[in-house]
Amino acid sequence: MYKKILKERKAFKGSIDRIITNYAILGATHEILKETNEIVFPFTTAEMLDVFDAFVNNLKRKLDTANVISRFWDVFVACLSGSEINKLHLGLQLDIQGQLLYIRFTEVYNRIQTEWFPRFSESCPSKTTLLEKLKEDKYFVEEKKSHRFANTNTSAYVLDLNKIDNKESILFALNLQLEQREAQQGLQSLFSPPATPNSHNIKEEKDAEDGLAF
């Protein structure tokens, strides 16, 4: 009976069966004890149901936030090693100093937004929504007005890397990125053409030859 009552309440719409069952057991227990007249509850059935509604709404918000944030970090990690077009580069869109992760959120969001739909077959949440959820999480530290990235000073959001569940995946992807960067720089040095002597050097060499005694 209580499962039917709860399913008809707005707060329980779309809830998984386990949540409804748990609250139905509490409601049924309350009803049985109330009918025995052995226990006098300091609240009415309607007040109890209002509390159930509040608890379920809060739980659904937490589950929704956890799901969105989990997807955000999954795409974030993928963008660290993805195609160059949507790649997040250490020093450009993000920076790490000690245990702190600095991100240029607009730059990061623009890349994540592109990758979101192909992965999850749904539109990416708005920039405001994602930012609010990040700021509500345990790893948010502060919004910094100015931080030096490789090519500019700009504002950044600061996160505690140690409190991010995807920490190891982030560090692994960044290490690969650094290794690739070092390898590319090494190849450029290896295959770079020899320096072309300038006219000043040529003249100096000619003068030296003219001064030789034979």
N, C-alpha and C. Protein backbone atom coordinates (compact mmCIF):
# COMPACT_ATOMS: atom_id res chain seq x y z
N MET A 1 0.82 -1.20 0.00
CA MET A 1 0.00 0.00 0.00
C MET A 1 0.86 1.26 0.00
N TYR A 2 1.89 1.26 0.85
CA TYR A 2 2.71 2.46 0.97
C TYR A 2 3.52 2.73 -0.29
N LYS A 3 3.91 1.68 -0.99
CA LYS A 3 4.64 1.89 -2.24
C LYS A 3 3.75 2.63 -3.24
N LYS A 4 2.48 2.27 -3.28
CA LYS A 4 1.55 2.93 -4.18
C LYS A 4 1.36 4.39 -3.80
N ILE A 5 1.26 4.64 -2.49
CA ILE A 5 1.10 6.02 -2.00
C ILE A 5 2.31 6.87 -2.39
N LEU A 6 3.51 6.32 -2.18
CA LEU A 6 4.73 7.06 -2.45
C LEU A 6 4.93 7.30 -3.95
N LYS A 7 4.61 6.32 -4.77
CA LYS A 7 4.79 6.46 -6.22
C LYS A 7 3.93 7.57 -6.79
N GLU A 8 2.84 7.88 -6.11
CA GLU A 8 1.95 8.93 -6.59
C GLU A 8 2.38 10.33 -6.14
N ARG A 9 3.36 10.39 -5.26
CA ARG A 9 3.84 11.68 -4.77
C ARG A 9 4.89 12.23 -5.74
N LYS A 10 4.86 13.53 -5.97
CA LYS A 10 5.73 14.17 -6.95
C LYS A 10 7.20 13.93 -6.67
N ALA A 11 7.59 13.99 -5.41
CA ALA A 11 9.01 13.85 -5.06
C ALA A 11 9.56 12.48 -5.44
N PHE A 12 8.69 11.46 -5.48
CA PHE A 12 9.15 10.09 -5.74
C PHE A 12 9.10 9.73 -7.22
N LYS A 13 8.57 10.61 -8.06
CA LYS A 13 8.50 10.34 -9.49
C LYS A 13 9.91 10.16 -10.06
N GLY A 14 10.12 9.06 -10.76
CA GLY A 14 11.42 8.80 -11.37
C GLY A 14 12.44 8.19 -10.43
N SER A 15 12.07 7.97 -9.16
CA SER A 15 13.00 7.36 -8.20
C SER A 15 13.14 5.86 -8.49
N ILE A 16 14.30 5.31 -8.19
CA ILE A 16 14.50 3.88 -8.37
C ILE A 16 13.69 3.11 -7.32
N ASP A 17 13.37 1.87 -7.64
CA ASP A 17 12.48 1.08 -6.80
C ASP A 17 13.03 0.88 -5.39
N ARG A 18 14.34 0.75 -5.27
CA ARG A 18 14.94 0.51 -3.96
C ARG A 18 14.66 1.66 -3.00
N ILE A 19 14.74 2.89 -3.50
CA ILE A 19 14.47 4.06 -2.65
C ILE A 19 13.01 4.06 -2.21
N ILE A 20 12.10 3.81 -3.14
CA ILE A 20 10.67 3.79 -2.80
C ILE A 20 10.38 2.70 -1.79
N THR A 21 10.99 1.52 -1.99
CA THR A 21 10.77 0.39 -1.07
C THR A 21 11.24 0.73 0.34
N ASN A 22 12.41 1.35 0.45
CA ASN A 22 12.95 1.69 1.78
C ASN A 22 12.00 2.61 2.54
N TYR A 23 11.50 3.63 1.86
CA TYR A 23 10.59 4.57 2.53
C TYR A 23 9.21 3.95 2.76
N ALA A 24 8.82 3.03 1.89
CA ALA A 24 7.54 2.34 2.09
C ALA A 24 7.59 1.48 3.35
N ILE A 25 8.73 0.86 3.61
CA ILE A 25 8.88 0.05 4.82
C ILE A 25 8.77 0.93 6.06
N LEU A 26 9.41 2.10 6.02
CA LEU A 26 9.32 3.03 7.15
C LEU A 26 7.88 3.49 7.36
N GLY A 27 7.23 3.82 6.26
CA GLY A 27 5.84 4.29 6.37
C GLY A 27 4.91 3.21 6.90
N ALA A 28 5.08 1.98 6.40
CA ALA A 28 4.23 0.88 6.86
C ALA A 28 4.47 0.57 8.33
N THR A 29 5.74 0.64 8.74
CA THR A 29 6.07 0.41 10.16
C THR A 29 5.42 1.46 11.04
N HIS A 30 5.49 2.71 10.59
CA HIS A 30 4.85 3.79 11.33
C HIS A 30 3.34 3.54 11.46
N GLU A 31 2.71 3.09 10.39
CA GLU A 31 1.26 2.86 10.38
C GLU A 31 0.87 1.75 11.34
N ILE A 32 1.65 0.67 11.35
CA ILE A 32 1.37 -0.46 12.23
C ILE A 32 1.48 -0.07 13.70
N LEU A 33 2.59 0.63 14.01
CA LEU A 33 2.81 1.04 15.40
C LEU A 33 1.78 2.06 15.86
N LYS A 34 1.36 2.91 14.94
CA LYS A 34 0.37 3.93 15.29
C LYS A 34 -0.97 3.28 15.66
N GLU A 35 -1.32 2.21 14.94
CA GLU A 35 -2.60 1.54 15.18
C GLU A 35 -2.63 0.77 16.50
N THR A 36 -1.47 0.42 17.03
CA THR A 36 -1.43 -0.32 18.31
C THR A 36 -1.70 0.60 19.49
N ASN A 37 -1.55 1.91 19.29
CA ASN A 37 -1.72 2.91 20.36
C ASN A 37 -0.72 2.75 21.49
N GLU A 38 0.32 1.95 21.24
CA GLU A 38 1.35 1.77 22.27
C GLU A 38 2.41 2.86 22.18
N ILE A 39 2.51 3.44 21.01
CA ILE A 39 3.48 4.53 20.81
C ILE A 39 2.74 5.75 20.29
N VAL A 40 3.02 6.88 20.92
CA VAL A 40 2.44 8.14 20.47
C VAL A 40 3.52 8.92 19.73
N PHE A 41 3.34 9.06 18.43
CA PHE A 41 4.34 9.77 17.62
C PHE A 41 4.13 11.27 17.71
N PRO A 42 5.22 12.03 17.78
CA PRO A 42 5.10 13.50 17.87
C PRO A 42 4.89 14.16 16.52
N PHE A 43 4.44 13.41 15.53
CA PHE A 43 4.20 13.97 14.20
C PHE A 43 3.06 13.19 13.55
N THR A 44 2.42 13.81 12.58
CA THR A 44 1.32 13.17 11.87
C THR A 44 1.86 12.42 10.65
N THR A 45 0.97 11.61 10.06
CA THR A 45 1.37 10.89 8.85
C THR A 45 1.71 11.86 7.73
N ALA A 46 0.96 12.94 7.60
CA ALA A 46 1.22 13.94 6.56
C ALA A 46 2.58 14.59 6.75
N GLU A 47 2.92 14.90 8.01
CA GLU A 47 4.24 15.49 8.30
C GLU A 47 5.35 14.51 7.98
N MET A 48 5.14 13.23 8.28
CA MET A 48 6.14 12.21 7.97
C MET A 48 6.37 12.13 6.46
N LEU A 49 5.29 12.17 5.69
CA LEU A 49 5.41 12.09 4.24
C LEU A 49 6.11 13.32 3.66
N ASP A 50 5.88 14.48 4.26
CA ASP A 50 6.59 15.69 3.83
C ASP A 50 8.09 15.55 4.06
N VAL A 51 8.46 14.94 5.18
CA VAL A 51 9.88 14.71 5.47
C VAL A 51 10.46 13.72 4.47
N PHE A 52 9.72 12.66 4.14
CA PHE A 52 10.15 11.71 3.12
C PHE A 52 10.42 12.44 1.79
N ASP A 53 9.49 13.33 1.43
CA ASP A 53 9.65 14.09 0.19
C ASP A 53 10.96 14.88 0.19
N ALA A 54 11.22 15.55 1.31
CA ALA A 54 12.42 16.38 1.42
C ALA A 54 13.68 15.53 1.31
N PHE A 55 13.70 14.38 1.99
CA PHE A 55 14.85 13.49 1.94
C PHE A 55 15.10 12.97 0.53
N VAL A 56 14.04 12.56 -0.14
CA VAL A 56 14.17 12.00 -1.49
C VAL A 56 14.61 13.07 -2.49
N ASN A 57 14.07 14.26 -2.39
CA ASN A 57 14.50 15.34 -3.28
C ASN A 57 15.98 15.64 -3.09
N ASN A 58 16.43 15.65 -1.85
CA ASN A 58 17.84 15.90 -1.56
C ASN A 58 18.72 14.78 -2.11
N LEU A 59 18.26 13.54 -1.95
CA LEU A 59 19.01 12.39 -2.46
C LEU A 59 19.10 12.44 -3.99
N LYS A 60 18.00 12.77 -4.65
CA LYS A 60 17.99 12.84 -6.11
C LYS A 60 18.94 13.93 -6.62
N ARG A 61 19.01 15.06 -5.90
CA ARG A 61 19.93 16.12 -6.29
C ARG A 61 21.38 15.65 -6.18
N LYS A 62 21.67 14.92 -5.11
CA LYS A 62 23.03 14.42 -4.92
C LYS A 62 23.40 13.40 -5.99
N LEU A 63 22.46 12.51 -6.30
CA LEU A 63 22.73 11.50 -7.33
C LEU A 63 22.91 12.16 -8.69
N ASP A 64 22.10 13.17 -8.97
CA ASP A 64 22.20 13.87 -10.24
C ASP A 64 23.53 14.60 -10.36
N THR A 65 23.94 15.27 -9.27
CA THR A 65 25.22 15.97 -9.27
C THR A 65 26.37 15.00 -9.45
N ALA A 66 26.33 13.88 -8.73
CA ALA A 66 27.40 12.88 -8.82
C ALA A 66 27.52 12.35 -10.24
N ASN A 67 26.38 12.12 -10.89
CA ASN A 67 26.38 11.59 -12.25
C ASN A 67 26.97 12.59 -13.23
N VAL A 68 26.57 13.85 -13.13
CA VAL A 68 27.07 14.89 -14.04
C VAL A 68 28.56 15.11 -13.82
N ILE A 69 28.98 15.20 -12.56
CA ILE A 69 30.39 15.45 -12.26
C ILE A 69 31.25 14.27 -12.70
N SER A 70 30.75 13.06 -12.50
CA SER A 70 31.50 11.88 -12.93
C SER A 70 31.73 11.91 -14.44
N ARG A 71 30.69 12.29 -15.18
CA ARG A 71 30.82 12.38 -16.64
C ARG A 71 31.77 13.50 -17.04
N PHE A 72 31.71 14.62 -16.31
CA PHE A 72 32.61 15.74 -16.60
C PHE A 72 34.06 15.28 -16.53
N TRP A 73 34.43 14.59 -15.45
CA TRP A 73 35.82 14.17 -15.29
C TRP A 73 36.21 13.08 -16.27
N ASP A 74 35.26 12.23 -16.66
CA ASP A 74 35.55 11.22 -17.68
C ASP A 74 35.93 11.89 -19.00
N VAL A 75 35.17 12.91 -19.39
CA VAL A 75 35.46 13.62 -20.63
C VAL A 75 36.73 14.44 -20.48
N PHE A 76 36.95 15.03 -19.32
CA PHE A 76 38.16 15.82 -19.04
C PHE A 76 39.40 14.96 -19.28
N VAL A 77 39.41 13.76 -18.72
CA VAL A 77 40.55 12.85 -18.89
C VAL A 77 40.72 12.48 -20.36
N ALA A 78 39.61 12.20 -21.04
CA ALA A 78 39.68 11.84 -22.46
C ALA A 78 40.28 12.98 -23.29
N CYS A 79 39.95 14.21 -22.94
CA CYS A 79 40.44 15.36 -23.69
C CYS A 79 41.92 15.63 -23.44
N LEU A 80 42.48 15.06 -22.42
CA LEU A 80 43.92 15.22 -22.16
C LEU A 80 44.76 14.46 -23.16
N SER A 81 44.16 13.43 -23.76
CA SER A 81 44.91 12.62 -24.72
C SER A 81 44.15 12.43 -26.03
N GLY A 82 43.18 13.29 -26.29
CA GLY A 82 42.37 13.16 -27.49
C GLY A 82 43.01 13.81 -28.71
N SER A 83 42.19 14.11 -29.70
CA SER A 83 42.67 14.74 -30.93
C SER A 83 43.15 16.15 -30.62
N GLU A 84 44.05 16.65 -31.42
CA GLU A 84 44.63 17.97 -31.18
C GLU A 84 43.58 19.08 -31.18
N ILE A 85 42.50 18.88 -31.95
CA ILE A 85 41.47 19.92 -32.06
C ILE A 85 40.81 20.18 -30.71
N ASN A 86 40.50 19.12 -29.99
CA ASN A 86 39.80 19.25 -28.71
C ASN A 86 40.68 18.91 -27.51
N LYS A 87 41.96 18.86 -27.71
CA LYS A 87 42.86 18.43 -26.64
C LYS A 87 43.05 19.52 -25.60
N LEU A 88 43.09 19.11 -24.35
CA LEU A 88 43.42 20.01 -23.25
C LEU A 88 44.92 19.91 -22.99
N HIS A 89 45.61 21.04 -23.10
CA HIS A 89 47.06 21.03 -22.99
C HIS A 89 47.51 21.58 -21.64
N LEU A 90 48.43 20.85 -21.03
CA LEU A 90 49.05 21.34 -19.79
C LEU A 90 49.80 22.62 -20.11
N GLY A 91 49.51 23.66 -19.35
CA GLY A 91 50.16 24.95 -19.56
C GLY A 91 49.29 25.93 -20.33
N LEU A 92 48.35 25.41 -21.12
CA LEU A 92 47.47 26.29 -21.89
C LEU A 92 46.09 26.39 -21.27
N GLN A 93 45.40 25.25 -21.12
CA GLN A 93 44.06 25.26 -20.53
C GLN A 93 44.08 24.86 -19.06
N LEU A 94 45.17 24.27 -18.61
CA LEU A 94 45.26 23.85 -17.21
C LEU A 94 46.70 23.90 -16.75
N ASP A 95 46.86 23.88 -15.45
CA ASP A 95 48.20 23.92 -14.86
C ASP A 95 48.15 23.17 -13.53
N ILE A 96 49.28 22.61 -13.12
CA ILE A 96 49.36 21.92 -11.84
C ILE A 96 50.53 22.48 -11.05
N GLN A 97 50.28 22.86 -9.83
CA GLN A 97 51.32 23.30 -8.91
C GLN A 97 51.10 22.59 -7.58
N GLY A 98 52.00 21.69 -7.25
CA GLY A 98 51.83 20.88 -6.05
C GLY A 98 50.60 20.00 -6.20
N GLN A 99 49.69 20.09 -5.23
CA GLN A 99 48.46 19.31 -5.30
C GLN A 99 47.30 20.11 -5.89
N LEU A 100 47.58 21.31 -6.38
CA LEU A 100 46.51 22.16 -6.89
C LEU A 100 46.43 22.11 -8.42
N LEU A 101 45.20 21.98 -8.91
CA LEU A 101 44.91 21.98 -10.34
C LEU A 101 44.25 23.30 -10.70
N TYR A 102 44.83 24.04 -11.64
CA TYR A 102 44.28 25.31 -12.10
C TYR A 102 43.68 25.10 -13.49
N ILE A 103 42.43 25.51 -13.67
CA ILE A 103 41.80 25.34 -14.98
C ILE A 103 41.19 26.65 -15.46
N ARG A 104 41.34 26.88 -16.76
CA ARG A 104 40.65 28.00 -17.43
C ARG A 104 39.31 27.42 -17.86
N PHE A 105 38.28 27.67 -17.06
CA PHE A 105 37.06 26.89 -17.20
C PHE A 105 36.38 27.07 -18.56
N THR A 106 36.35 28.28 -19.09
CA THR A 106 35.70 28.49 -20.38
C THR A 106 36.40 27.69 -21.47
N GLU A 107 37.74 27.71 -21.46
CA GLU A 107 38.52 26.94 -22.44
C GLU A 107 38.26 25.44 -22.27
N VAL A 108 38.23 24.99 -21.03
CA VAL A 108 37.99 23.57 -20.76
C VAL A 108 36.58 23.18 -21.19
N TYR A 109 35.60 24.02 -20.85
CA TYR A 109 34.21 23.72 -21.17
C TYR A 109 34.00 23.61 -22.68
N ASN A 110 34.62 24.50 -23.45
CA ASN A 110 34.44 24.48 -24.90
C ASN A 110 34.87 23.16 -25.51
N ARG A 111 35.90 22.55 -24.96
CA ARG A 111 36.37 21.27 -25.47
C ARG A 111 35.50 20.12 -24.97
N ILE A 112 35.12 20.18 -23.70
CA ILE A 112 34.29 19.13 -23.13
C ILE A 112 32.91 19.11 -23.78
N GLN A 113 32.38 20.27 -24.07
CA GLN A 113 31.06 20.36 -24.70
C GLN A 113 31.04 19.62 -26.04
N THR A 114 32.13 19.72 -26.79
CA THR A 114 32.21 19.06 -28.09
C THR A 114 32.22 17.54 -27.96
N GLU A 115 32.86 17.05 -26.91
CA GLU A 115 33.01 15.61 -26.73
C GLU A 115 31.84 14.96 -25.99
N TRP A 116 31.01 15.76 -25.35
CA TRP A 116 29.98 15.23 -24.46
C TRP A 116 28.93 14.40 -25.21
N PHE A 117 28.34 14.98 -26.25
CA PHE A 117 27.24 14.29 -26.96
C PHE A 117 27.68 12.98 -27.61
N PRO A 118 28.82 12.94 -28.31
CA PRO A 118 29.23 11.66 -28.91
C PRO A 118 29.42 10.54 -27.88
N ARG A 119 29.74 10.90 -26.65
CA ARG A 119 29.99 9.89 -25.62
C ARG A 119 28.71 9.47 -24.89
N PHE A 120 27.84 10.41 -24.63
CA PHE A 120 26.68 10.12 -23.79
C PHE A 120 25.33 10.25 -24.50
N SER A 121 25.35 10.64 -25.77
CA SER A 121 24.13 10.80 -26.56
C SER A 121 23.13 11.74 -25.90
N GLU A 122 23.64 12.78 -25.30
CA GLU A 122 22.79 13.82 -24.70
C GLU A 122 23.57 15.13 -24.71
N SER A 123 22.83 16.21 -24.67
CA SER A 123 23.48 17.52 -24.69
C SER A 123 24.28 17.76 -23.42
N CYS A 124 25.37 18.46 -23.57
CA CYS A 124 26.19 18.80 -22.42
C CYS A 124 25.45 19.81 -21.54
N PRO A 125 25.52 19.67 -20.22
CA PRO A 125 24.92 20.68 -19.34
C PRO A 125 25.53 22.05 -19.63
N SER A 126 24.82 23.08 -19.29
CA SER A 126 25.32 24.43 -19.55
C SER A 126 26.59 24.70 -18.74
N LYS A 127 27.34 25.69 -19.19
CA LYS A 127 28.58 26.05 -18.50
C LYS A 127 28.29 26.46 -17.06
N THR A 128 27.21 27.21 -16.86
CA THR A 128 26.83 27.65 -15.52
C THR A 128 26.51 26.47 -14.61
N THR A 129 25.78 25.50 -15.14
CA THR A 129 25.40 24.32 -14.34
C THR A 129 26.62 23.53 -13.92
N LEU A 130 27.52 23.26 -14.88
CA LEU A 130 28.73 22.49 -14.55
C LEU A 130 29.61 23.22 -13.55
N LEU A 131 29.73 24.52 -13.74
CA LEU A 131 30.56 25.31 -12.83
C LEU A 131 29.99 25.30 -11.42
N GLU A 132 28.68 25.42 -11.30
CA GLU A 132 28.04 25.38 -9.98
C GLU A 132 28.29 24.05 -9.28
N LYS A 133 28.20 22.97 -10.05
CA LYS A 133 28.39 21.64 -9.46
C LYS A 133 29.85 21.43 -9.05
N LEU A 134 30.78 21.96 -9.83
CA LEU A 134 32.19 21.87 -9.45
C LEU A 134 32.47 22.65 -8.18
N LYS A 135 31.87 23.83 -8.08
CA LYS A 135 32.10 24.69 -6.92
C LYS A 135 31.47 24.12 -5.65
N GLU A 136 30.45 23.26 -5.82
CA GLU A 136 29.80 22.63 -4.67
C GLU A 136 30.55 21.41 -4.18
N ASP A 137 31.51 20.92 -4.96
CA ASP A 137 32.17 19.67 -4.61
C ASP A 137 33.31 19.88 -3.63
N LYS A 138 33.78 18.77 -3.07
CA LYS A 138 34.76 18.79 -1.99
C LYS A 138 36.13 19.32 -2.40
N TYR A 139 36.45 19.25 -3.70
CA TYR A 139 37.79 19.62 -4.15
C TYR A 139 37.92 21.08 -4.54
N PHE A 140 36.81 21.82 -4.58
CA PHE A 140 36.90 23.23 -4.98
C PHE A 140 37.63 24.03 -3.91
N VAL A 141 38.61 24.84 -4.36
CA VAL A 141 39.40 25.66 -3.42
C VAL A 141 39.02 27.13 -3.52
N GLU A 142 39.15 27.70 -4.73
CA GLU A 142 38.85 29.12 -4.90
C GLU A 142 38.82 29.49 -6.37
N GLU A 143 38.32 30.68 -6.64
CA GLU A 143 38.44 31.28 -7.96
C GLU A 143 39.54 32.32 -7.88
N LYS A 144 40.59 32.13 -8.66
CA LYS A 144 41.73 33.03 -8.62
C LYS A 144 41.64 34.03 -9.76
N LYS A 145 41.81 35.30 -9.45
CA LYS A 145 41.64 36.34 -10.46
C LYS A 145 42.75 36.32 -11.51
N SER A 146 43.95 35.91 -11.12
CA SER A 146 45.05 35.91 -12.08
C SER A 146 46.00 34.75 -11.80
N HIS A 147 46.25 33.97 -12.84
CA HIS A 147 47.22 32.88 -12.75
C HIS A 147 47.99 32.84 -14.06
N ARG A 148 49.28 32.56 -13.98
CA ARG A 148 50.11 32.53 -15.18
C ARG A 148 50.05 31.17 -15.86
N PHE A 149 49.49 31.16 -17.08
CA PHE A 149 49.56 29.98 -17.92
C PHE A 149 50.68 30.22 -18.93
N ALA A 150 50.89 29.29 -19.83
CA ALA A 150 52.04 29.38 -20.73
C ALA A 150 52.05 30.64 -21.57
N ASN A 151 50.87 31.07 -22.00
CA ASN A 151 50.83 32.20 -22.94
C ASN A 151 50.09 33.43 -22.44
N THR A 152 49.60 33.40 -21.18
CA THR A 152 48.82 34.54 -20.70
C THR A 152 48.60 34.49 -19.20
N ASN A 153 48.27 35.64 -18.64
CA ASN A 153 47.77 35.72 -17.28
C ASN A 153 46.26 35.85 -17.35
N THR A 154 45.54 34.99 -16.66
CA THR A 154 44.09 35.03 -16.71
C THR A 154 43.51 34.40 -15.45
N SER A 155 42.21 34.53 -15.28
CA SER A 155 41.56 33.95 -14.10
C SER A 155 41.55 32.43 -14.21
N ALA A 156 41.45 31.77 -13.07
CA ALA A 156 41.46 30.31 -13.05
C ALA A 156 40.68 29.81 -11.84
N TYR A 157 40.10 28.63 -12.01
CA TYR A 157 39.47 27.96 -10.89
C TYR A 157 40.46 26.96 -10.32
N VAL A 158 40.60 26.98 -8.99
CA VAL A 158 41.60 26.16 -8.33
C VAL A 158 40.92 24.98 -7.64
N LEU A 159 41.41 23.77 -7.92
CA LEU A 159 40.84 22.55 -7.36
C LEU A 159 41.93 21.75 -6.67
N ASP A 160 41.56 21.06 -5.61
CA ASP A 160 42.50 20.20 -4.89
C ASP A 160 42.56 18.85 -5.59
N LEU A 161 43.66 18.59 -6.26
CA LEU A 161 43.79 17.37 -7.06
C LEU A 161 43.68 16.12 -6.20
N ASN A 162 44.14 16.19 -4.96
CA ASN A 162 44.10 15.01 -4.08
C ASN A 162 42.68 14.58 -3.73
N LYS A 163 41.71 15.49 -3.90
CA LYS A 163 40.33 15.16 -3.55
C LYS A 163 39.47 14.79 -4.77
N ILE A 164 40.09 14.78 -5.94
CA ILE A 164 39.39 14.40 -7.17
C ILE A 164 39.51 12.90 -7.36
N ASP A 165 38.39 12.21 -7.56
CA ASP A 165 38.41 10.76 -7.69
C ASP A 165 39.24 10.29 -8.88
N ASN A 166 39.29 11.10 -9.93
CA ASN A 166 40.02 10.73 -11.15
C ASN A 166 41.48 11.18 -11.12
N LYS A 167 42.00 11.47 -9.95
CA LYS A 167 43.36 12.01 -9.83
C LYS A 167 44.38 11.17 -10.60
N GLU A 168 44.40 9.86 -10.38
CA GLU A 168 45.41 9.01 -11.00
C GLU A 168 45.29 9.03 -12.52
N SER A 169 44.07 9.00 -13.02
CA SER A 169 43.87 9.03 -14.48
C SER A 169 44.34 10.36 -15.06
N ILE A 170 44.09 11.45 -14.34
CA ILE A 170 44.52 12.77 -14.80
C ILE A 170 46.05 12.84 -14.86
N LEU A 171 46.72 12.40 -13.81
CA LEU A 171 48.18 12.45 -13.77
C LEU A 171 48.79 11.54 -14.82
N PHE A 172 48.20 10.36 -15.02
CA PHE A 172 48.71 9.43 -16.03
C PHE A 172 48.62 10.05 -17.42
N ALA A 173 47.47 10.67 -17.73
CA ALA A 173 47.28 11.29 -19.05
C ALA A 173 48.24 12.46 -19.25
N LEU A 174 48.48 13.23 -18.19
CA LEU A 174 49.38 14.37 -18.29
C LEU A 174 50.83 13.92 -18.46
N ASN A 175 51.20 12.83 -17.80
CA ASN A 175 52.55 12.30 -17.98
C ASN A 175 52.77 11.83 -19.42
N LEU A 176 51.76 11.18 -20.00
CA LEU A 176 51.85 10.79 -21.40
C LEU A 176 52.00 12.01 -22.30
N GLN A 177 51.25 13.05 -21.98
CA GLN A 177 51.30 14.28 -22.77
C GLN A 177 52.69 14.90 -22.73
N LEU A 178 53.29 14.91 -21.54
CA LEU A 178 54.65 15.46 -21.40
C LEU A 178 55.67 14.61 -22.14
N GLU A 179 55.52 13.29 -22.08
CA GLU A 179 56.45 12.40 -22.79
C GLU A 179 56.35 12.61 -24.30
N GLN A 180 55.12 12.77 -24.80
CA GLN A 180 54.94 13.01 -26.23
C GLN A 180 55.55 14.35 -26.63
N ARG A 181 55.40 15.33 -25.77
CA ARG A 181 55.95 16.66 -26.06
C ARG A 181 57.47 16.60 -26.11
N GLU A 182 58.06 15.90 -25.16
CA GLU A 182 59.52 15.77 -25.13
C GLU A 182 60.03 15.00 -26.33
N ALA A 183 59.30 13.97 -26.74
CA ALA A 183 59.70 13.17 -27.90
C ALA A 183 59.65 14.01 -29.17
N GLN A 184 58.60 14.82 -29.32
CA GLN A 184 58.47 15.68 -30.49
C GLN A 184 59.59 16.71 -30.54
N GLN A 185 59.93 17.28 -29.39
CA GLN A 185 61.01 18.26 -29.34
C GLN A 185 62.33 17.61 -29.69
N GLY A 186 62.52 16.37 -29.26
CA GLY A 186 63.74 15.64 -29.58
C GLY A 186 63.87 15.38 -31.06
N LEU A 187 62.76 15.02 -31.70
CA LEU A 187 62.77 14.77 -33.14
C LEU A 187 63.04 16.05 -33.91
N GLN A 188 62.48 17.15 -33.45
CA GLN A 188 62.71 18.42 -34.12
C GLN A 188 64.19 18.79 -34.08
N SER A 189 64.83 18.53 -32.94
CA SER A 189 66.26 18.82 -32.82
C SER A 189 67.08 17.89 -33.71
N LEU A 190 66.67 16.63 -33.78
CA LEU A 190 67.41 15.62 -34.53
C LEU A 190 67.37 15.88 -36.03
N PHE A 191 66.19 16.34 -36.53
CA PHE A 191 66.03 16.50 -37.97
C PHE A 191 66.05 17.96 -38.42
N SER A 192 66.38 18.87 -37.54
CA SER A 192 66.42 20.28 -37.94
C SER A 192 67.61 20.49 -38.87
N PRO A 193 67.46 21.31 -39.92
CA PRO A 193 68.54 21.54 -40.89
C PRO A 193 69.68 22.32 -40.25
N PRO A 194 70.90 22.15 -40.75
CA PRO A 194 72.03 22.90 -40.19
C PRO A 194 71.82 24.40 -40.40
N ALA A 195 72.36 25.17 -39.49
CA ALA A 195 72.19 26.61 -39.56
C ALA A 195 72.85 27.16 -40.81
N THR A 196 72.20 28.10 -41.47
CA THR A 196 72.77 28.74 -42.67
C THR A 196 73.67 29.88 -42.24
N PRO A 197 74.93 29.86 -42.64
CA PRO A 197 75.84 30.93 -42.21
C PRO A 197 75.41 32.27 -42.81
N ASN A 198 75.52 33.32 -42.03
CA ASN A 198 75.13 34.63 -42.53
C ASN A 198 76.31 35.30 -43.24
N SER A 199 76.02 36.42 -43.87
CA SER A 199 77.04 37.08 -44.69
C SER A 199 78.20 37.57 -43.84
N HIS A 200 77.93 37.94 -42.59
CA HIS A 200 78.99 38.43 -41.71
C HIS A 200 79.99 37.33 -41.43
N ASN A 201 79.51 36.13 -41.17
CA ASN A 201 80.40 35.00 -40.90
C ASN A 201 81.21 34.64 -42.14
N ILE A 202 80.56 34.71 -43.31
CA ILE A 202 81.27 34.38 -44.55
C ILE A 202 82.43 35.35 -44.76
N LYS A 203 82.19 36.66 -44.53
CA LYS A 203 83.23 37.67 -44.71
C LYS A 203 84.38 37.44 -43.75
N GLU A 204 84.05 37.07 -42.49
CA GLU A 204 85.11 36.83 -41.51
C GLU A 204 85.98 35.66 -41.94
N GLU A 205 85.33 34.62 -42.45
CA GLU A 205 86.09 33.44 -42.88
C GLU A 205 86.98 33.78 -44.07
N LYS A 206 86.45 34.63 -45.01
CA LYS A 206 87.25 35.02 -46.18
C LYS A 206 88.44 35.85 -45.78
N ASP A 207 88.27 36.79 -44.84
CA ASP A 207 89.37 37.63 -44.37
C ASP A 207 90.45 36.79 -43.73
N ALA A 208 90.02 35.78 -42.99
CA ALA A 208 90.99 34.90 -42.33
C ALA A 208 91.81 34.16 -43.37
N GLU A 209 91.15 33.70 -44.44
CA GLU A 209 91.86 32.98 -45.48
C GLU A 209 92.85 33.88 -46.18
N ASP A 210 92.47 35.17 -46.44
CA ASP A 210 93.36 36.11 -47.11
C ASP A 210 94.59 36.38 -46.26
N GLY A 211 94.49 36.28 -44.97
CA GLY A 211 95.63 36.59 -44.11
C GLY A 211 96.57 35.42 -43.91
N LEU A 212 96.26 34.27 -44.46
CA LEU A 212 97.14 33.13 -44.29
C LEU A 212 98.43 33.28 -45.11
N ALA A 213 99.55 32.92 -44.52
CA ALA A 213 100.83 32.97 -45.23
C ALA A 213 101.13 31.60 -45.83
N PHE A 214 101.52 31.55 -47.09
CA PHE A 214 101.87 30.29 -47.75
C PHE A 214 103.35 30.33 -48.09
